[in-house]
Amino acid sequence: MNRLTAVFAAAALTLTAGLAQARDLGPDEALKLRDAGTIQTFEKLNAVVLTQHPGGAIEETELEEEYGRYIYQVEVRDAQGVQWDVELDATNGQVLKNQQDD
């Protein structure tokens, strides 16, 4: 029984540690990173998203730090009205994820 408890405790700690690896960045911190040249400008990042979905409209954006990497998350509605979730590496604009929203 003690072994089973230890396994569950280890699994819970691993899950908690994984969840703690992502944090939302507020507007002030995001602007500091942009001004320091650590991340691309939001205009450039948004332009990358819109090249993936021409004629689309950006509805929501968020900047997170995940495992030491800055991720720019965007919800965009394309010209046909379909909503997409796009994630970019905020330092270089590389598209990491581009999938239709469920």
C-alpha atoms as a PDB file:
ATOM      1  CA  MET A   1       0.000   0.000   0.000  1.00  0.00           C
ATOM      2  CA  ASN A   2       2.847   2.402   0.783  1.00  0.00           C
ATOM      3  CA  ARG A   3       4.352   1.746  -2.628  1.00  0.00           C
ATOM      4  CA  LEU A   4       1.061   2.600  -4.359  1.00  0.00           C
ATOM      5  CA  THR A   5       0.770   5.817  -2.354  1.00  0.00           C
ATOM      6  CA  ALA A   6       4.311   6.768  -3.336  1.00  0.00           C
ATOM      7  CA  VAL A   7       3.542   6.169  -7.017  1.00  0.00           C
ATOM      8  CA  PHE A   8       0.429   8.370  -6.861  1.00  0.00           C
ATOM      9  CA  ALA A   9       2.332  11.075  -4.995  1.00  0.00           C
ATOM     10  CA  ALA A  10       5.122  11.045  -7.591  1.00  0.00           C
ATOM     11  CA  ALA A  11       2.597  11.227 -10.431  1.00  0.00           C
ATOM     12  CA  ALA A  12       0.814  14.151  -8.772  1.00  0.00           C
ATOM     13  CA  LEU A  13       4.090  16.020  -8.293  1.00  0.00           C
ATOM     14  CA  THR A  14       5.062  15.445 -11.903  1.00  0.00           C
ATOM     15  CA  LEU A  15       1.687  16.713 -13.129  1.00  0.00           C
ATOM     16  CA  THR A  16       1.859  19.772 -10.865  1.00  0.00           C
ATOM     17  CA  ALA A  17       5.391  20.569 -12.007  1.00  0.00           C
ATOM     18  CA  GLY A  18       4.278  20.367 -15.641  1.00  0.00           C
ATOM     19  CA  LEU A  19       1.373  22.715 -15.061  1.00  0.00           C
ATOM     20  CA  ALA A  20       3.600  25.232 -13.329  1.00  0.00           C
ATOM     21  CA  GLN A  21       5.852  25.486 -16.399  1.00  0.00           C
ATOM     22  CA  ALA A  22       3.513  27.852 -18.303  1.00  0.00           C
ATOM     23  CA  ARG A  23       2.707  31.352 -17.144  1.00  0.00           C
ATOM     24  CA  ASP A  24       0.762  34.176 -18.700  1.00  0.00           C
ATOM     25  CA  LEU A  25       2.673  37.397 -19.213  1.00  0.00           C
ATOM     26  CA  GLY A  26       0.963  40.690 -18.542  1.00  0.00           C
ATOM     27  CA  PRO A  27       0.993  43.638 -20.934  1.00  0.00           C
ATOM     28  CA  ASP A  28       3.802  45.459 -19.102  1.00  0.00           C
ATOM     29  CA  GLU A  29       6.121  42.458 -19.193  1.00  0.00           C
ATOM     30  CA  ALA A  30       5.250  41.752 -22.827  1.00  0.00           C
ATOM     31  CA  LEU A  31       6.084  45.325 -23.825  1.00  0.00           C
ATOM     32  CA  LYS A  32       9.404  45.158 -21.965  1.00  0.00           C
ATOM     33  CA  LEU A  33      10.327  41.962 -23.829  1.00  0.00           C
ATOM     34  CA  ARG A  34       9.363  43.578 -27.132  1.00  0.00           C
ATOM     35  CA  ASP A  35      11.273  46.773 -26.394  1.00  0.00           C
ATOM     36  CA  ALA A  36      14.352  44.757 -25.390  1.00  0.00           C
ATOM     37  CA  GLY A  37      14.198  42.866 -28.689  1.00  0.00           C
ATOM     38  CA  THR A  38      13.638  39.540 -26.934  1.00  0.00           C
ATOM     39  CA  ILE A  39      10.415  38.921 -28.838  1.00  0.00           C
ATOM     40  CA  GLN A  40       9.185  40.122 -32.233  1.00  0.00           C
ATOM     41  CA  THR A  41       6.823  43.068 -32.418  1.00  0.00           C
ATOM     42  CA  PHE A  42       3.171  42.173 -32.124  1.00  0.00           C
ATOM     43  CA  GLU A  43       2.556  43.670 -35.577  1.00  0.00           C
ATOM     44  CA  LYS A  44       5.057  41.220 -37.107  1.00  0.00           C
ATOM     45  CA  LEU A  45       3.633  38.275 -35.187  1.00  0.00           C
ATOM     46  CA  ASN A  46       0.078  39.180 -36.190  1.00  0.00           C
ATOM     47  CA  ALA A  47       1.196  39.495 -39.825  1.00  0.00           C
ATOM     48  CA  VAL A  48       2.562  35.936 -39.699  1.00  0.00           C
ATOM     49  CA  VAL A  49      -0.794  34.715 -38.399  1.00  0.00           C
ATOM     50  CA  LEU A  50      -2.694  36.530 -41.120  1.00  0.00           C
ATOM     51  CA  THR A  51      -0.466  35.039 -43.839  1.00  0.00           C
ATOM     52  CA  GLN A  52      -1.713  31.661 -42.598  1.00  0.00           C
ATOM     53  CA  HIS A  53      -5.338  32.869 -42.848  1.00  0.00           C
ATOM     54  CA  PRO A  54      -5.636  35.624 -45.488  1.00  0.00           C
ATOM     55  CA  GLY A  55      -8.656  37.836 -44.972  1.00  0.00           C
ATOM     56  CA  GLY A  56      -8.954  36.639 -41.384  1.00  0.00           C
ATOM     57  CA  ALA A  57      -9.520  38.719 -38.279  1.00  0.00           C
ATOM     58  CA  ILE A  58      -7.539  38.350 -35.068  1.00  0.00           C
ATOM     59  CA  GLU A  59      -9.927  37.995 -32.152  1.00  0.00           C
ATOM     60  CA  GLU A  60      -7.689  37.322 -29.149  1.00  0.00           C
ATOM     61  CA  THR A  61      -3.975  37.184 -28.349  1.00  0.00           C
ATOM     62  CA  GLU A  62      -1.951  36.030 -25.375  1.00  0.00           C
ATOM     63  CA  LEU A  63       1.748  35.786 -24.569  1.00  0.00           C
ATOM     64  CA  GLU A  64       2.965  32.949 -22.361  1.00  0.00           C
ATOM     65  CA  GLU A  65       6.285  31.673 -21.185  1.00  0.00           C
ATOM     66  CA  GLU A  66       6.391  27.887 -21.481  1.00  0.00           C
ATOM     67  CA  TYR A  67       9.502  25.971 -20.466  1.00  0.00           C
ATOM     68  CA  GLY A  68      11.633  29.081 -20.967  1.00  0.00           C
ATOM     69  CA  ARG A  69      10.171  29.772 -24.420  1.00  0.00           C
ATOM     70  CA  TYR A  70       7.930  32.724 -25.295  1.00  0.00           C
ATOM     71  CA  ILE A  71       4.755  31.555 -27.048  1.00  0.00           C
ATOM     72  CA  TYR A  72       2.341  33.956 -28.735  1.00  0.00           C
ATOM     73  CA  GLN A  73      -1.140  32.423 -28.883  1.00  0.00           C
ATOM     74  CA  VAL A  74      -3.702  33.825 -31.296  1.00  0.00           C
ATOM     75  CA  GLU A  75      -7.338  33.093 -32.026  1.00  0.00           C
ATOM     76  CA  VAL A  76      -8.200  34.103 -35.582  1.00  0.00           C
ATOM     77  CA  ARG A  77     -11.413  33.832 -37.565  1.00  0.00           C
ATOM     78  CA  ASP A  78     -10.798  33.188 -41.263  1.00  0.00           C
ATOM     79  CA  ALA A  79     -12.710  34.686 -44.179  1.00  0.00           C
ATOM     80  CA  GLN A  80     -15.171  31.768 -44.103  1.00  0.00           C
ATOM     81  CA  GLY A  81     -15.917  32.338 -40.400  1.00  0.00           C
ATOM     82  CA  VAL A  82     -13.918  29.363 -39.116  1.00  0.00           C
ATOM     83  CA  GLN A  83     -11.983  29.948 -35.898  1.00  0.00           C
ATOM     84  CA  TRP A  84      -8.335  28.843 -35.679  1.00  0.00           C
ATOM     85  CA  ASP A  85      -5.828  28.556 -32.842  1.00  0.00           C
ATOM     86  CA  VAL A  86      -2.346  29.593 -33.910  1.00  0.00           C
ATOM     87  CA  GLU A  87       0.779  29.490 -31.750  1.00  0.00           C
ATOM     88  CA  LEU A  88       4.029  31.180 -32.687  1.00  0.00           C
ATOM     89  CA  ASP A  89       7.486  31.254 -31.182  1.00  0.00           C
ATOM     90  CA  ALA A  90       7.453  34.916 -30.181  1.00  0.00           C
ATOM     91  CA  THR A  91      11.221  35.270 -30.585  1.00  0.00           C
ATOM     92  CA  ASN A  92      11.340  34.400 -34.289  1.00  0.00           C
ATOM     93  CA  GLY A  93       7.730  34.119 -35.551  1.00  0.00           C
ATOM     94  CA  GLN A  94       7.928  30.391 -36.326  1.00  0.00           C
ATOM     95  CA  VAL A  95       4.482  28.782 -36.508  1.00  0.00           C
ATOM     96  CA  LEU A  96       4.290  26.039 -33.875  1.00  0.00           C
ATOM     97  CA  LYS A  97       0.595  25.209 -34.113  1.00  0.00           C
ATOM     98  CA  ASN A  98      -2.133  26.086 -36.595  1.00  0.00           C
ATOM     99  CA  GLN A  99      -5.288  24.121 -36.003  1.00  0.00           C
ATOM    100  CA  GLN A 100      -8.995  24.641 -36.314  1.00  0.00           C
ATOM    101  CA  ASP A 101     -10.632  25.474 -32.989  1.00  0.00           C
ATOM    102  CA  ASP A 102     -12.908  22.764 -31.649  1.00  0.00           C
END
